[in-house]
Structure formats: C-alpha cells, structure tokens
C-alpha cells in the first residue's frame, strides 16, 4: 500500500467520530494521523507529500467532501 492509499484509509476509518469540523479538531486529527503513520513506518515527509503539504487541510477537505457529502461513508 502506498502512502496516499494509507492516508485515505486512515481518514476513512478515523474521521467519522470524534472530530468536529473545526481547525482545532483537524489539527488534532493531523497529530493523531502523524502518530499512526509513524507507528506504520511511514515518514512524516512522505505523509505530508501525500497530503499535498498540509495534512490538517487535507483531512478537513476529505471530511467535508467525502465523509460529510450526501451518500458519503
């Protein structure tokens, strides 16, 4: 699995519950994601590259456009 696939899977599995759509919450999600990535052996630079350079913004967009969209996960 490449880093982008890992990131999409992490976001799909983890953003449903417990993260409000606020900047502070998305920063917490990014911190949690970075910790999980390190545990999975993924470098933070690879993770940031997969998130187009801004992990919190990527996660917010993912939540807004994928999870919170009508018919989303």
N, C-alpha and C. Protein backbone atom coordinates (compact mmCIF):
# COMPACT_ATOMS: atom_id res chain seq x y z
N UNK A 1 0.85 -1.17 0.00
CA UNK A 1 0.00 0.00 0.00
C UNK A 1 0.90 1.24 0.00
N UNK A 2 0.60 2.17 -0.90
CA UNK A 2 1.41 3.40 -0.90
C UNK A 2 0.88 4.37 0.16
N UNK A 3 1.61 5.44 0.38
CA UNK A 3 1.29 6.38 1.45
C UNK A 3 -0.06 7.05 1.22
N UNK A 4 -0.36 7.41 -0.01
CA UNK A 4 -1.65 8.05 -0.30
C UNK A 4 -2.80 7.09 0.03
N UNK A 5 -2.67 5.83 -0.34
CA UNK A 5 -3.69 4.84 -0.02
C UNK A 5 -3.83 4.69 1.50
N UNK A 6 -2.70 4.66 2.20
CA UNK A 6 -2.72 4.56 3.65
C UNK A 6 -3.47 5.76 4.25
N UNK A 7 -3.17 6.95 3.74
CA UNK A 7 -3.80 8.16 4.25
C UNK A 7 -5.31 8.15 4.02
N UNK A 8 -5.73 7.75 2.85
CA UNK A 8 -7.17 7.68 2.56
C UNK A 8 -7.83 6.66 3.48
N UNK A 9 -7.20 5.52 3.68
CA UNK A 9 -7.76 4.51 4.58
C UNK A 9 -7.83 5.04 6.00
N UNK A 10 -6.75 5.70 6.48
CA UNK A 10 -6.77 6.24 7.85
C UNK A 10 -7.90 7.26 7.99
N UNK A 11 -8.01 8.16 7.03
CA UNK A 11 -9.06 9.19 7.09
C UNK A 11 -10.45 8.54 7.07
N UNK A 12 -10.65 7.57 6.22
CA UNK A 12 -11.94 6.88 6.14
C UNK A 12 -12.29 6.18 7.44
N UNK A 13 -11.29 5.58 8.05
CA UNK A 13 -11.51 4.81 9.27
C UNK A 13 -11.61 5.67 10.52
N UNK A 14 -11.04 6.87 10.50
CA UNK A 14 -10.90 7.63 11.74
C UNK A 14 -11.64 8.95 11.82
N UNK A 15 -12.06 9.52 10.72
CA UNK A 15 -12.67 10.85 10.77
C UNK A 15 -14.18 10.83 11.02
N UNK A 16 -14.79 9.66 11.08
CA UNK A 16 -16.24 9.59 11.28
C UNK A 16 -16.66 10.16 12.62
N UNK A 17 -16.01 9.75 13.66
CA UNK A 17 -16.41 10.09 15.02
C UNK A 17 -15.31 10.88 15.72
N UNK A 18 -15.72 11.80 16.56
CA UNK A 18 -14.78 12.43 17.46
C UNK A 18 -14.02 13.63 16.92
N UNK A 19 -14.21 13.96 15.67
CA UNK A 19 -13.53 15.13 15.12
C UNK A 19 -14.57 16.08 14.55
N UNK A 20 -14.73 17.22 15.21
CA UNK A 20 -15.64 18.25 14.71
C UNK A 20 -14.99 18.94 13.52
N UNK A 21 -15.79 19.66 12.78
CA UNK A 21 -15.28 20.35 11.60
C UNK A 21 -14.75 21.73 12.00
N UNK A 22 -13.72 21.72 12.85
CA UNK A 22 -13.07 22.96 13.29
C UNK A 22 -11.58 22.84 13.03
N UNK A 23 -10.92 23.97 13.00
CA UNK A 23 -9.47 23.96 12.78
C UNK A 23 -8.76 23.19 13.89
N UNK A 24 -9.16 23.43 15.15
CA UNK A 24 -8.51 22.74 16.27
C UNK A 24 -8.71 21.23 16.17
N UNK A 25 -9.90 20.81 15.81
CA UNK A 25 -10.18 19.39 15.69
C UNK A 25 -9.39 18.76 14.54
N UNK A 26 -9.26 19.46 13.43
CA UNK A 26 -8.50 18.93 12.31
C UNK A 26 -7.00 18.91 12.62
N UNK A 27 -6.52 19.85 13.44
CA UNK A 27 -5.12 19.80 13.87
C UNK A 27 -4.90 18.58 14.76
N UNK A 28 -5.87 18.27 15.63
CA UNK A 28 -5.78 17.06 16.46
C UNK A 28 -5.82 15.82 15.58
N UNK A 29 -6.69 15.80 14.59
CA UNK A 29 -6.74 14.67 13.66
C UNK A 29 -5.40 14.51 12.96
N UNK A 30 -4.80 15.61 12.54
CA UNK A 30 -3.50 15.55 11.87
C UNK A 30 -2.43 14.99 12.80
N UNK A 31 -2.46 15.40 14.06
CA UNK A 31 -1.50 14.88 15.04
C UNK A 31 -1.70 13.38 15.23
N UNK A 32 -2.96 12.97 15.36
CA UNK A 32 -3.26 11.55 15.51
C UNK A 32 -2.83 10.76 14.28
N UNK A 33 -3.06 11.32 13.11
CA UNK A 33 -2.68 10.67 11.86
C UNK A 33 -1.16 10.53 11.77
N UNK A 34 -0.44 11.58 12.14
CA UNK A 34 1.03 11.51 12.11
C UNK A 34 1.54 10.41 13.04
N UNK A 35 0.94 10.30 14.23
CA UNK A 35 1.35 9.26 15.17
C UNK A 35 1.10 7.87 14.59
N UNK A 36 -0.07 7.68 13.99
CA UNK A 36 -0.38 6.39 13.37
C UNK A 36 0.56 6.09 12.21
N UNK A 37 0.89 7.12 11.44
CA UNK A 37 1.81 6.92 10.32
C UNK A 37 3.19 6.49 10.81
N UNK A 38 3.68 7.15 11.85
CA UNK A 38 4.98 6.76 12.40
C UNK A 38 4.95 5.32 12.88
N UNK A 39 3.85 4.91 13.54
CA UNK A 39 3.73 3.52 14.01
C UNK A 39 3.71 2.55 12.83
N UNK A 40 3.19 3.00 11.69
CA UNK A 40 3.12 2.15 10.50
C UNK A 40 4.41 2.20 9.68
N UNK A 41 5.39 2.98 10.16
CA UNK A 41 6.67 3.06 9.46
C UNK A 41 6.68 4.05 8.30
N UNK A 42 5.73 4.98 8.30
CA UNK A 42 5.64 5.98 7.23
C UNK A 42 6.32 7.26 7.71
N UNK A 43 7.20 7.79 6.89
CA UNK A 43 7.89 9.02 7.27
C UNK A 43 6.93 10.21 7.21
N UNK A 44 7.18 11.17 8.07
CA UNK A 44 6.31 12.36 8.09
C UNK A 44 6.43 13.15 6.80
N UNK A 45 7.59 13.14 6.18
CA UNK A 45 7.73 13.85 4.91
C UNK A 45 6.91 13.18 3.82
N UNK A 46 6.86 11.85 3.81
CA UNK A 46 6.03 11.13 2.84
C UNK A 46 4.55 11.39 3.11
N UNK A 47 4.17 11.43 4.38
CA UNK A 47 2.79 11.70 4.74
C UNK A 47 2.38 13.10 4.30
N UNK A 48 3.23 14.09 4.58
CA UNK A 48 2.94 15.46 4.17
C UNK A 48 2.84 15.58 2.65
N UNK A 49 3.70 14.87 1.93
CA UNK A 49 3.64 14.90 0.47
C UNK A 49 2.33 14.28 -0.03
N UNK A 50 1.89 13.20 0.59
CA UNK A 50 0.63 12.57 0.20
C UNK A 50 -0.56 13.48 0.47
N UNK A 51 -0.41 14.36 1.46
CA UNK A 51 -1.47 15.30 1.82
C UNK A 51 -1.30 16.64 1.12
N UNK A 52 -0.49 16.69 0.11
CA UNK A 52 -0.23 17.92 -0.65
C UNK A 52 0.32 19.04 0.22
N UNK A 53 1.08 18.68 1.25
CA UNK A 53 1.81 19.66 2.05
C UNK A 53 1.09 20.20 3.27
N UNK A 54 -0.19 19.92 3.45
CA UNK A 54 -0.94 20.44 4.60
C UNK A 54 -1.91 19.37 5.07
N UNK A 55 -1.47 18.57 6.03
CA UNK A 55 -2.25 17.42 6.46
C UNK A 55 -3.59 17.83 7.06
N UNK A 56 -3.63 18.85 7.89
CA UNK A 56 -4.89 19.28 8.50
C UNK A 56 -5.88 19.73 7.43
N UNK A 57 -5.43 20.47 6.45
CA UNK A 57 -6.31 20.92 5.37
C UNK A 57 -6.78 19.73 4.54
N UNK A 58 -5.89 18.79 4.28
CA UNK A 58 -6.26 17.58 3.53
C UNK A 58 -7.36 16.82 4.27
N UNK A 59 -7.19 16.64 5.57
CA UNK A 59 -8.17 15.90 6.36
C UNK A 59 -9.51 16.64 6.41
N UNK A 60 -9.47 17.97 6.53
CA UNK A 60 -10.72 18.74 6.52
C UNK A 60 -11.43 18.58 5.17
N UNK A 61 -10.68 18.70 4.09
CA UNK A 61 -11.28 18.53 2.76
C UNK A 61 -11.84 17.12 2.59
N UNK A 62 -11.10 16.13 3.06
CA UNK A 62 -11.57 14.75 2.96
C UNK A 62 -12.88 14.59 3.73
N UNK A 63 -12.91 15.10 4.95
CA UNK A 63 -14.12 15.01 5.77
C UNK A 63 -15.28 15.73 5.09
N UNK A 64 -15.04 16.94 4.62
CA UNK A 64 -16.11 17.74 4.01
C UNK A 64 -16.61 17.13 2.70
N UNK A 65 -15.68 16.68 1.87
CA UNK A 65 -16.04 16.27 0.50
C UNK A 65 -16.35 14.79 0.36
N UNK A 66 -15.86 13.97 1.26
CA UNK A 66 -16.09 12.53 1.14
C UNK A 66 -17.04 12.05 2.24
N UNK A 67 -16.68 12.28 3.47
CA UNK A 67 -17.46 11.71 4.57
C UNK A 67 -18.77 12.45 4.81
N UNK A 68 -18.76 13.78 4.72
CA UNK A 68 -19.95 14.56 5.02
C UNK A 68 -20.82 14.81 3.81
N UNK A 69 -20.36 14.41 2.64
CA UNK A 69 -21.16 14.60 1.42
C UNK A 69 -22.36 13.65 1.43
N UNK A 70 -23.44 14.03 0.78
CA UNK A 70 -24.58 13.11 0.68
C UNK A 70 -24.11 11.78 0.08
N UNK A 71 -24.46 10.70 0.74
CA UNK A 71 -24.05 9.39 0.28
C UNK A 71 -22.63 9.02 0.68
N UNK A 72 -21.96 9.89 1.48
CA UNK A 72 -20.59 9.62 1.89
C UNK A 72 -20.52 8.46 2.86
N UNK A 73 -19.29 8.06 3.18
CA UNK A 73 -19.10 6.91 4.07
C UNK A 73 -19.67 7.23 5.39
